[in-house]
Amino acid sequence: MKTEIKEIDGKLIAMLEGELDTAAALEAEKALEPLYNANGRDVVIECEKLDYIASSGLRILLGILKASKASGSHVTLRNMNDDIKSVFSMTGLINLFDVE
């Protein structure tokens, strides 16, 4: 699992690549920690290169959403492939996030 965070035009852009499974969750959560403290900046999670997400990955993204909303930020999931979008749809989480 590879993660990278950039700030572009006042937004935090997180690029996820690989498999966000249980084995990668702890490292990914540490890497994504700045998103928990967005402090009003909007967050975009770029999923174009995300191949797989497990429940531990969903938990991380849900935690980011909860923390971001508390500080007045919006979280957008961008460029999900059909498999990832299906997981979000089946769990109902797709209704909580802005999806592009």
PDB file of N, CA and C in Angstrom:
ATOM      1  N   MET A   1       0.854  -1.178   0.000  1.00  0.00           N
ATOM      2  CA  MET A   1       0.000   0.000   0.000  1.00  0.00           C
ATOM      3  C   MET A   1       0.891   1.229   0.000  1.00  0.00           C
ATOM      4  N   LYS A   2       0.610   2.118  -0.911  1.00  0.00           N
ATOM      5  CA  LYS A   2       1.360   3.365  -1.010  1.00  0.00           C
ATOM      6  C   LYS A   2       0.390   4.525  -0.831  1.00  0.00           C
ATOM      7  N   THR A   3       0.778   5.489  -0.008  1.00  0.00           N
ATOM      8  CA  THR A   3      -0.043   6.678   0.198  1.00  0.00           C
ATOM      9  C   THR A   3       0.832   7.920   0.034  1.00  0.00           C
ATOM     10  N   GLU A   4       0.207   8.958  -0.475  1.00  0.00           N
ATOM     11  CA  GLU A   4       0.895  10.238  -0.621  1.00  0.00           C
ATOM     12  C   GLU A   4      -0.138  11.335  -0.404  1.00  0.00           C
ATOM     13  N   ILE A   5       0.234  12.348   0.340  1.00  0.00           N
ATOM     14  CA  ILE A   5      -0.660  13.483   0.596  1.00  0.00           C
ATOM     15  C   ILE A   5       0.009  14.744   0.074  1.00  0.00           C
ATOM     16  N   LYS A   6      -0.749  15.517  -0.688  1.00  0.00           N
ATOM     17  CA  LYS A   6      -0.290  16.810  -1.189  1.00  0.00           C
ATOM     18  C   LYS A   6      -1.337  17.850  -0.835  1.00  0.00           C
ATOM     19  N   GLU A   7      -0.910  19.084  -0.690  1.00  0.00           N
ATOM     20  CA  GLU A   7      -1.861  20.182  -0.528  1.00  0.00           C
ATOM     21  C   GLU A   7      -1.877  20.973  -1.827  1.00  0.00           C
ATOM     22  N   ILE A   8      -3.033  21.016  -2.462  1.00  0.00           N
ATOM     23  CA  ILE A   8      -3.195  21.716  -3.728  1.00  0.00           C
ATOM     24  C   ILE A   8      -4.409  22.634  -3.615  1.00  0.00           C
ATOM     25  N   ASP A   9      -4.195  23.918  -3.876  1.00  0.00           N
ATOM     26  CA  ASP A   9      -5.275  24.910  -3.815  1.00  0.00           C
ATOM     27  C   ASP A   9      -6.053  24.845  -2.506  1.00  0.00           C
ATOM     28  N   GLY A  10      -5.357  24.661  -1.397  1.00  0.00           N
ATOM     29  CA  GLY A  10      -5.990  24.635  -0.088  1.00  0.00           C
ATOM     30  C   GLY A  10      -6.686  23.340   0.266  1.00  0.00           C
ATOM     31  N   LYS A  11      -6.622  22.339  -0.618  1.00  0.00           N
ATOM     32  CA  LYS A  11      -7.226  21.030  -0.349  1.00  0.00           C
ATOM     33  C   LYS A  11      -6.132  20.016  -0.058  1.00  0.00           C
ATOM     34  N   LEU A  12      -6.446  19.086   0.820  1.00  0.00           N
ATOM     35  CA  LEU A  12      -5.544  17.964   1.064  1.00  0.00           C
ATOM     36  C   LEU A  12      -5.927  16.841   0.113  1.00  0.00           C
ATOM     37  N   ILE A  13      -5.013  16.437  -0.737  1.00  0.00           N
ATOM     38  CA  ILE A  13      -5.248  15.388  -1.721  1.00  0.00           C
ATOM     39  C   ILE A  13      -4.454  14.165  -1.293  1.00  0.00           C
ATOM     40  N   ALA A  14      -5.153  13.068  -1.009  1.00  0.00           N
ATOM     41  CA  ALA A  14      -4.491  11.816  -0.626  1.00  0.00           C
ATOM     42  C   ALA A  14      -4.609  10.833  -1.773  1.00  0.00           C
ATOM     43  N   MET A  15      -3.468  10.347  -2.224  1.00  0.00           N
ATOM     44  CA  MET A  15      -3.456   9.369  -3.307  1.00  0.00           C
ATOM     45  C   MET A  15      -3.171   7.997  -2.722  1.00  0.00           C
ATOM     46  N   LEU A  16      -4.097   7.071  -2.965  1.00  0.00           N
ATOM     47  CA  LEU A  16      -3.970   5.708  -2.460  1.00  0.00           C
ATOM     48  C   LEU A  16      -3.626   4.780  -3.613  1.00  0.00           C
ATOM     49  N   GLU A  17      -2.676   3.885  -3.375  1.00  0.00           N
ATOM     50  CA  GLU A  17      -2.270   2.961  -4.427  1.00  0.00           C
ATOM     51  C   GLU A  17      -2.038   1.580  -3.821  1.00  0.00           C
ATOM     52  N   GLY A  18      -2.641   0.565  -4.436  1.00  0.00           N
ATOM     53  CA  GLY A  18      -2.444  -0.803  -3.977  1.00  0.00           C
ATOM     54  C   GLY A  18      -3.661  -1.334  -3.256  1.00  0.00           C
ATOM     55  N   GLU A  19      -3.398  -2.140  -2.220  1.00  0.00           N
ATOM     56  CA  GLU A  19      -4.469  -2.794  -1.469  1.00  0.00           C
ATOM     57  C   GLU A  19      -4.516  -2.263  -0.051  1.00  0.00           C
ATOM     58  N   LEU A  20      -5.640  -1.680   0.317  1.00  0.00           N
ATOM     59  CA  LEU A  20      -5.851  -1.194   1.680  1.00  0.00           C
ATOM     60  C   LEU A  20      -6.533  -2.308   2.458  1.00  0.00           C
ATOM     61  N   ASP A  21      -5.723  -3.301   2.812  1.00  0.00           N
ATOM     62  CA  ASP A  21      -6.237  -4.463   3.530  1.00  0.00           C
ATOM     63  C   ASP A  21      -5.797  -4.396   4.993  1.00  0.00           C
ATOM     64  N   THR A  22      -6.107  -5.440   5.741  1.00  0.00           N
ATOM     65  CA  THR A  22      -5.795  -5.463   7.169  1.00  0.00           C
ATOM     66  C   THR A  22      -4.298  -5.321   7.418  1.00  0.00           C
ATOM     67  N   ALA A  23      -3.496  -5.972   6.591  1.00  0.00           N
ATOM     68  CA  ALA A  23      -2.042  -5.915   6.770  1.00  0.00           C
ATOM     69  C   ALA A  23      -1.499  -4.505   6.566  1.00  0.00           C
ATOM     70  N   ALA A  24      -2.093  -3.744   5.693  1.00  0.00           N
ATOM     71  CA  ALA A  24      -1.611  -2.394   5.372  1.00  0.00           C
ATOM     72  C   ALA A  24      -2.282  -1.314   6.203  1.00  0.00           C
ATOM     73  N   ALA A  25      -3.318  -1.657   6.946  1.00  0.00           N
ATOM     74  CA  ALA A  25      -4.156  -0.650   7.612  1.00  0.00           C
ATOM     75  C   ALA A  25      -3.402   0.204   8.625  1.00  0.00           C
ATOM     76  N   LEU A  26      -2.586  -0.392   9.457  1.00  0.00           N
ATOM     77  CA  LEU A  26      -1.896   0.370  10.500  1.00  0.00           C
ATOM     78  C   LEU A  26      -0.949   1.397   9.886  1.00  0.00           C
ATOM     79  N   GLU A  27      -0.165   0.971   8.909  1.00  0.00           N
ATOM     80  CA  GLU A  27       0.757   1.880   8.243  1.00  0.00           C
ATOM     81  C   GLU A  27       0.001   2.974   7.477  1.00  0.00           C
ATOM     82  N   ALA A  28      -1.080   2.591   6.802  1.00  0.00           N
ATOM     83  CA  ALA A  28      -1.871   3.562   6.042  1.00  0.00           C
ATOM     84  C   ALA A  28      -2.514   4.586   6.972  1.00  0.00           C
ATOM     85  N   GLU A  29      -3.000   4.133   8.112  1.00  0.00           N
ATOM     86  CA  GLU A  29      -3.635   5.065   9.049  1.00  0.00           C
ATOM     87  C   GLU A  29      -2.629   6.101   9.545  1.00  0.00           C
ATOM     88  N   LYS A  30      -1.411   5.675   9.823  1.00  0.00           N
ATOM     89  CA  LYS A  30      -0.372   6.624  10.243  1.00  0.00           C
ATOM     90  C   LYS A  30      -0.050   7.602   9.121  1.00  0.00           C
ATOM     91  N   ALA A  31       0.044   7.103   7.892  1.00  0.00           N
ATOM     92  CA  ALA A  31       0.367   7.956   6.750  1.00  0.00           C
ATOM     93  C   ALA A  31      -0.739   8.964   6.468  1.00  0.00           C
ATOM     94  N   LEU A  32      -1.985   8.577   6.744  1.00  0.00           N
ATOM     95  CA  LEU A  32      -3.135   9.443   6.464  1.00  0.00           C
ATOM     96  C   LEU A  32      -3.524  10.329   7.645  1.00  0.00           C
ATOM     97  N   GLU A  33      -2.746  10.275   8.704  1.00  0.00           N
ATOM     98  CA  GLU A  33      -3.060  11.035   9.917  1.00  0.00           C
ATOM     99  C   GLU A  33      -3.301  12.525   9.675  1.00  0.00           C
ATOM    100  N   PRO A  34      -2.576  13.184   8.768  1.00  0.00           N
ATOM    101  CA  PRO A  34      -2.860  14.607   8.530  1.00  0.00           C
ATOM    102  C   PRO A  34      -4.299  14.876   8.084  1.00  0.00           C
ATOM    103  N   LEU A  35      -4.955  13.895   7.495  1.00  0.00           N
ATOM    104  CA  LEU A  35      -6.332  14.085   7.044  1.00  0.00           C
ATOM    105  C   LEU A  35      -7.302  14.164   8.221  1.00  0.00           C
ATOM    106  N   TYR A  36      -6.936  13.564   9.348  1.00  0.00           N
ATOM    107  CA  TYR A  36      -7.779  13.634  10.543  1.00  0.00           C
ATOM    108  C   TYR A  36      -7.784  15.053  11.117  1.00  0.00           C
ATOM    109  N   ASN A  37      -6.763  15.819  10.779  1.00  0.00           N
ATOM    110  CA  ASN A  37      -6.614  17.187  11.278  1.00  0.00           C
ATOM    111  C   ASN A  37      -6.661  18.177  10.120  1.00  0.00           C
ATOM    112  N   ALA A  38      -7.674  18.069   9.295  1.00  0.00           N
ATOM    113  CA  ALA A  38      -7.767  18.916   8.098  1.00  0.00           C
ATOM    114  C   ALA A  38      -8.039  20.375   8.439  1.00  0.00           C
ATOM    115  N   ASN A  39      -8.587  20.633   9.616  1.00  0.00           N
ATOM    116  CA  ASN A  39      -8.815  22.002  10.095  1.00  0.00           C
ATOM    117  C   ASN A  39      -9.523  22.895   9.081  1.00  0.00           C
ATOM    118  N   GLY A  40     -10.620  22.397   8.543  1.00  0.00           N
ATOM    119  CA  GLY A  40     -11.431  23.182   7.630  1.00  0.00           C
ATOM    120  C   GLY A  40     -11.053  23.055   6.169  1.00  0.00           C
ATOM    121  N   ARG A  41      -9.895  22.466   5.876  1.00  0.00           N
ATOM    122  CA  ARG A  41      -9.514  22.249   4.477  1.00  0.00           C
ATOM    123  C   ARG A  41     -10.259  21.023   3.960  1.00  0.00           C
ATOM    124  N   ASP A  42     -10.714  21.099   2.739  1.00  0.00           N
ATOM    125  CA  ASP A  42     -11.402  19.949   2.156  1.00  0.00           C
ATOM    126  C   ASP A  42     -10.398  18.848   1.849  1.00  0.00           C
ATOM    127  N   VAL A  43     -10.895  17.621   1.890  1.00  0.00           N
ATOM    128  CA  VAL A  43     -10.070  16.435   1.691  1.00  0.00           C
ATOM    129  C   VAL A  43     -10.566  15.699   0.449  1.00  0.00           C
ATOM    130  N   VAL A  44      -9.648  15.355  -0.430  1.00  0.00           N
ATOM    131  CA  VAL A  44      -9.955  14.549  -1.604  1.00  0.00           C
ATOM    132  C   VAL A  44      -9.128  13.280  -1.500  1.00  0.00           C
ATOM    133  N   ILE A  45      -9.810  12.137  -1.558  1.00  0.00           N
ATOM    134  CA  ILE A  45      -9.119  10.857  -1.519  1.00  0.00           C
ATOM    135  C   ILE A  45      -9.180  10.267  -2.919  1.00  0.00           C
ATOM    136  N   GLU A  46      -8.021  10.250  -3.550  1.00  0.00           N
ATOM    137  CA  GLU A  46      -7.882   9.789  -4.930  1.00  0.00           C
ATOM    138  C   GLU A  46      -7.728   8.266  -4.928  1.00  0.00           C
ATOM    139  N   CYS A  47      -8.723   7.580  -5.503  1.00  0.00           N
ATOM    140  CA  CYS A  47      -8.785   6.116  -5.455  1.00  0.00           C
ATOM    141  C   CYS A  47      -8.472   5.444  -6.790  1.00  0.00           C
ATOM    142  N   GLU A  48      -7.998   6.192  -7.759  1.00  0.00           N
ATOM    143  CA  GLU A  48      -7.780   5.643  -9.103  1.00  0.00           C
ATOM    144  C   GLU A  48      -6.872   4.421  -9.093  1.00  0.00           C
ATOM    145  N   LYS A  49      -5.853   4.405  -8.229  1.00  0.00           N
ATOM    146  CA  LYS A  49      -4.910   3.290  -8.188  1.00  0.00           C
ATOM    147  C   LYS A  49      -5.131   2.373  -6.992  1.00  0.00           C
ATOM    148  N   LEU A  50      -6.281   2.540  -6.316  1.00  0.00           N
ATOM    149  CA  LEU A  50      -6.637   1.665  -5.204  1.00  0.00           C
ATOM    150  C   LEU A  50      -7.276   0.405  -5.774  1.00  0.00           C
ATOM    151  N   ASP A  51      -6.643  -0.735  -5.533  1.00  0.00           N
ATOM    152  CA  ASP A  51      -7.100  -1.996  -6.119  1.00  0.00           C
ATOM    153  C   ASP A  51      -8.089  -2.750  -5.243  1.00  0.00           C
ATOM    154  N   TYR A  52      -7.992  -2.565  -3.927  1.00  0.00           N
ATOM    155  CA  TYR A  52      -8.797  -3.361  -2.998  1.00  0.00           C
ATOM    156  C   TYR A  52      -8.921  -2.598  -1.691  1.00  0.00           C
ATOM    157  N   ILE A  53     -10.074  -2.752  -1.032  1.00  0.00           N
ATOM    158  CA  ILE A  53     -10.251  -2.158   0.292  1.00  0.00           C
ATOM    159  C   ILE A  53     -10.974  -3.164   1.183  1.00  0.00           C
ATOM    160  N   ALA A  54     -10.426  -3.387   2.366  1.00  0.00           N
ATOM    161  CA  ALA A  54     -11.026  -4.280   3.360  1.00  0.00           C
ATOM    162  C   ALA A  54     -11.777  -3.441   4.390  1.00  0.00           C
ATOM    163  N   SER A  55     -12.447  -4.109   5.304  1.00  0.00           N
ATOM    164  CA  SER A  55     -13.217  -3.392   6.321  1.00  0.00           C
ATOM    165  C   SER A  55     -12.323  -2.485   7.159  1.00  0.00           C
ATOM    166  N   SER A  56     -11.081  -2.872   7.376  1.00  0.00           N
ATOM    167  CA  SER A  56     -10.160  -2.017   8.134  1.00  0.00           C
ATOM    168  C   SER A  56      -9.878  -0.722   7.367  1.00  0.00           C
ATOM    169  N   GLY A  57      -9.824  -0.796   6.046  1.00  0.00           N
ATOM    170  CA  GLY A  57      -9.656   0.399   5.221  1.00  0.00           C
ATOM    171  C   GLY A  57     -10.888   1.279   5.262  1.00  0.00           C
ATOM    172  N   LEU A  58     -12.059   0.658   5.225  1.00  0.00           N
ATOM    173  CA  LEU A  58     -13.309   1.422   5.333  1.00  0.00           C
ATOM    174  C   LEU A  58     -13.370   2.158   6.664  1.00  0.00           C
ATOM    175  N   ARG A  59     -12.917   1.500   7.722  1.00  0.00           N
ATOM    176  CA  ARG A  59     -12.911   2.111   9.053  1.00  0.00           C
ATOM    177  C   ARG A  59     -12.026   3.354   9.063  1.00  0.00           C
ATOM    178  N   ILE A  60     -10.870   3.278   8.413  1.00  0.00           N
ATOM    179  CA  ILE A  60      -9.968   4.428   8.350  1.00  0.00           C
ATOM    180  C   ILE A  60     -10.632   5.588   7.621  1.00  0.00           C
ATOM    181  N   LEU A  61     -11.221   5.315   6.462  1.00  0.00           N
ATOM    182  CA  LEU A  61     -11.857   6.388   5.683  1.00  0.00           C
ATOM    183  C   LEU A  61     -13.055   6.971   6.427  1.00  0.00           C
ATOM    184  N   LEU A  62     -13.783   6.141   7.132  1.00  0.00           N
ATOM    185  CA  LEU A  62     -14.912   6.631   7.925  1.00  0.00           C
ATOM    186  C   LEU A  62     -14.423   7.522   9.075  1.00  0.00           C
ATOM    187  N   GLY A  63     -13.307   7.151   9.685  1.00  0.00           N
ATOM    188  CA  GLY A  63     -12.711   7.978  10.739  1.00  0.00           C
ATOM    189  C   GLY A  63     -12.272   9.328  10.215  1.00  0.00           C
ATOM    190  N   ILE A  64     -11.689   9.333   9.007  1.00  0.00           N
ATOM    191  CA  ILE A  64     -11.283  10.595   8.378  1.00  0.00           C
ATOM    192  C   ILE A  64     -12.506  11.458   8.112  1.00  0.00           C
ATOM    193  N   LEU A  65     -13.572  10.840   7.611  1.00  0.00           N
ATOM    194  CA  LEU A  65     -14.809  11.577   7.336  1.00  0.00           C
ATOM    195  C   LEU A  65     -15.358  12.203   8.613  1.00  0.00           C
ATOM    196  N   LYS A  66     -15.418  11.435   9.677  1.00  0.00           N
ATOM    197  CA  LYS A  66     -15.971  11.921  10.947  1.00  0.00           C
ATOM    198  C   LYS A  66     -15.139  13.087  11.496  1.00  0.00           C
ATOM    199  N   ALA A  67     -13.819  12.932  11.497  1.00  0.00           N
ATOM    200  CA  ALA A  67     -12.947  13.986  12.016  1.00  0.00           C
ATOM    201  C   ALA A  67     -12.999  15.231  11.136  1.00  0.00           C
ATOM    202  N   SER A  68     -13.057  15.037   9.839  1.00  0.00           N
ATOM    203  CA  SER A  68     -13.084  16.169   8.909  1.00  0.00           C
ATOM    204  C   SER A  68     -14.369  16.968   9.039  1.00  0.00           C
ATOM    205  N   LYS A  69     -15.492  16.268   9.108  1.00  0.00           N
ATOM    206  CA  LYS A  69     -16.777  16.973   9.243  1.00  0.00           C
ATOM    207  C   LYS A  69     -16.824  17.781  10.530  1.00  0.00           C
ATOM    208  N   ALA A  70     -16.217  17.256  11.591  1.00  0.00           N
ATOM    209  CA  ALA A  70     -16.211  17.965  12.870  1.00  0.00           C
ATOM    210  C   ALA A  70     -15.457  19.277  12.780  1.00  0.00           C
ATOM    211  N   SER A  71     -14.489  19.368  11.844  1.00  0.00           N
ATOM    212  CA  SER A  71     -13.726  20.608  11.697  1.00  0.00           C
ATOM    213  C   SER A  71     -14.214  21.457  10.520  1.00  0.00           C
ATOM    214  N   GLY A  72     -15.349  21.069   9.920  1.00  0.00           N
ATOM    215  CA  GLY A  72     -15.925  21.852   8.838  1.00  0.00           C
ATOM    216  C   GLY A  72     -15.398  21.527   7.455  1.00  0.00           C
ATOM    217  N   SER A  73     -14.720  20.398   7.317  1.00  0.00           N
ATOM    218  CA  SER A  73     -14.179  19.982   6.025  1.00  0.00           C
ATOM    219  C   SER A  73     -15.147  19.050   5.314  1.00  0.00           C
ATOM    220  N   HIS A  74     -14.972  18.937   4.000  1.00  0.00           N
ATOM    221  CA  HIS A  74     -15.720  17.969   3.199  1.00  0.00           C
ATOM    222  C   HIS A  74     -14.747  16.913   2.696  1.00  0.00           C
ATOM    223  N   VAL A  75     -15.227  15.686   2.590  1.00  0.00           N
ATOM    224  CA  VAL A  75     -14.392  14.592   2.085  1.00  0.00           C
ATOM    225  C   VAL A  75     -15.005  14.086   0.787  1.00  0.00           C
ATOM    226  N   THR A  76     -14.178  14.019  -0.249  1.00  0.00           N
ATOM    227  CA  THR A  76     -14.610  13.530  -1.548  1.00  0.00           C
ATOM    228  C   THR A  76     -13.763  12.323  -1.933  1.00  0.00           C
ATOM    229  N   LEU A  77     -14.428  11.266  -2.372  1.00  0.00           N
ATOM    230  CA  LEU A  77     -13.740  10.104  -2.928  1.00  0.00           C
ATOM    231  C   LEU A  77     -13.773  10.256  -4.435  1.00  0.00           C
ATOM    232  N   ARG A  78     -12.622  10.142  -5.069  1.00  0.00           N
ATOM    233  CA  ARG A  78     -12.542  10.397  -6.499  1.00  0.00           C
ATOM    234  C   ARG A  78     -11.973   9.178  -7.238  1.00  0.00           C
ATOM    235  N   ASN A  79     -12.542   8.906  -8.417  1.00  0.00           N
ATOM    236  CA  ASN A  79     -12.034   7.903  -9.359  1.00  0.00           C
ATOM    237  C   ASN A  79     -11.980   6.473  -8.797  1.00  0.00           C
ATOM    238  N   MET A  80     -13.033   6.067  -8.105  1.00  0.00           N
ATOM    239  CA  MET A  80     -13.095   4.685  -7.619  1.00  0.00           C
ATOM    240  C   MET A  80     -13.380   3.746  -8.783  1.00  0.00           C
ATOM    241  N   ASN A  81     -12.690   2.599  -8.800  1.00  0.00           N
ATOM    242  CA  ASN A  81     -13.025   1.604  -9.814  1.00  0.00           C
ATOM    243  C   ASN A  81     -14.329   0.911  -9.421  1.00  0.00           C
ATOM    244  N   ASP A  82     -14.861   0.091 -10.296  1.00  0.00           N
ATOM    245  CA  ASP A  82     -16.165  -0.537 -10.050  1.00  0.00           C
ATOM    246  C   ASP A  82     -16.161  -1.434  -8.818  1.00  0.00           C
ATOM    247  N   ASP A  83     -15.059  -2.144  -8.563  1.00  0.00           N
ATOM    248  CA  ASP A  83     -14.991  -3.034  -7.397  1.00  0.00           C
ATOM    249  C   ASP A  83     -15.027  -2.244  -6.089  1.00  0.00           C
ATOM    250  N   ILE A  84     -14.263  -1.173  -6.029  1.00  0.00           N
ATOM    251  CA  ILE A  84     -14.240  -0.343  -4.814  1.00  0.00           C
ATOM    252  C   ILE A  84     -15.595   0.330  -4.621  1.00  0.00           C
ATOM    253  N   LYS A  85     -16.157   0.849  -5.706  1.00  0.00           N
ATOM    254  CA  LYS A  85     -17.470   1.491  -5.631  1.00  0.00           C
ATOM    255  C   LYS A  85     -18.531   0.495  -5.161  1.00  0.00           C
ATOM    256  N   SER A  86     -18.418  -0.754  -5.584  1.00  0.00           N
ATOM    257  CA  SER A  86     -19.354  -1.792  -5.169  1.00  0.00           C
ATOM    258  C   SER A  86     -19.281  -2.039  -3.662  1.00  0.00           C
ATOM    259  N   VAL A  87     -18.073  -2.057  -3.118  1.00  0.00           N
ATOM    260  CA  VAL A  87     -17.910  -2.244  -1.666  1.00  0.00           C
ATOM    261  C   VAL A  87     -18.575  -1.097  -0.916  1.00  0.00           C
ATOM    262  N   PHE A  88     -18.354   0.128  -1.384  1.00  0.00           N
ATOM    263  CA  PHE A  88     -18.977   1.279  -0.732  1.00  0.00           C
ATOM    264  C   PHE A  88     -20.501   1.238  -0.870  1.00  0.00           C
ATOM    265  N   SER A  89     -20.990   0.777  -2.002  1.00  0.00           N
ATOM    266  CA  SER A  89     -22.438   0.673  -2.204  1.00  0.00           C
ATOM    267  C   SER A  89     -23.046  -0.389  -1.299  1.00  0.00           C
ATOM    268  N   MET A  90     -22.429  -1.572  -1.244  1.00  0.00           N
ATOM    269  CA  MET A  90     -22.960  -2.675  -0.431  1.00  0.00           C
ATOM    270  C   MET A  90     -23.006  -2.327   1.050  1.00  0.00           C
ATOM    271  N   THR A  91     -22.035  -1.540   1.511  1.00  0.00           N
ATOM    272  CA  THR A  91     -21.992  -1.179   2.930  1.00  0.00           C
ATOM    273  C   THR A  91     -22.835   0.049   3.248  1.00  0.00           C
ATOM    274  N   GLY A  92     -23.303   0.744   2.220  1.00  0.00           N
ATOM    275  CA  GLY A  92     -24.076   1.963   2.430  1.00  0.00           C
ATOM    276  C   GLY A  92     -23.219   3.189   2.673  1.00  0.00           C
ATOM    277  N   LEU A  93     -21.908   3.012   2.706  1.00  0.00           N
ATOM    278  CA  LEU A  93     -21.016   4.143   2.966  1.00  0.00           C
ATOM    279  C   LEU A  93     -20.965   5.136   1.812  1.00  0.00           C
ATOM    280  N   ILE A  94     -21.359   4.685   0.641  1.00  0.00           N
ATOM    281  CA  ILE A  94     -21.324   5.581  -0.520  1.00  0.00           C
ATOM    282  C   ILE A  94     -22.241   6.795  -0.314  1.00  0.00           C
ATOM    283  N   ASN A  95     -23.258   6.628   0.531  1.00  0.00           N
ATOM    284  CA  ASN A  95     -24.200   7.722   0.799  1.00  0.00           C
ATOM    285  C   ASN A  95     -23.629   8.758   1.767  1.00  0.00           C
ATOM    286  N   LEU A  96     -22.542   8.425   2.454  1.00  0.00           N
ATOM    287  CA  LEU A  96     -21.952   9.344   3.419  1.00  0.00           C
ATOM    288  C   LEU A  96     -20.902  10.255   2.810  1.00  0.00           C
ATOM    289  N   PHE A  97     -20.285   9.796   1.741  1.00  0.00           N
ATOM    290  CA  PHE A  97     -19.188  10.530   1.108  1.00  0.00           C
ATOM    291  C   PHE A  97     -19.678  11.242  -0.149  1.00  0.00           C
ATOM    292  N   ASP A  98     -19.004  12.333  -0.503  1.00  0.00           N
ATOM    293  CA  ASP A  98     -19.174  12.910  -1.827  1.00  0.00           C
ATOM    294  C   ASP A  98     -18.328  12.038  -2.757  1.00  0.00           C
ATOM    295  N   VAL A  99     -18.887  11.642  -3.897  1.00  0.00           N
ATOM    296  CA  VAL A  99     -18.178  10.752  -4.820  1.00  0.00           C
ATOM    297  C   VAL A  99     -18.104  11.408  -6.186  1.00  0.00           C
ATOM    298  N   GLU A 100     -16.917  11.428  -6.743  1.00  0.00           N
ATOM    299  CA  GLU A 100     -16.708  11.969  -8.086  1.00  0.00           C
ATOM    300  C   GLU A 100     -16.141  10.886  -8.977  1.00  0.00           C
TER     301      GLU A 100
END
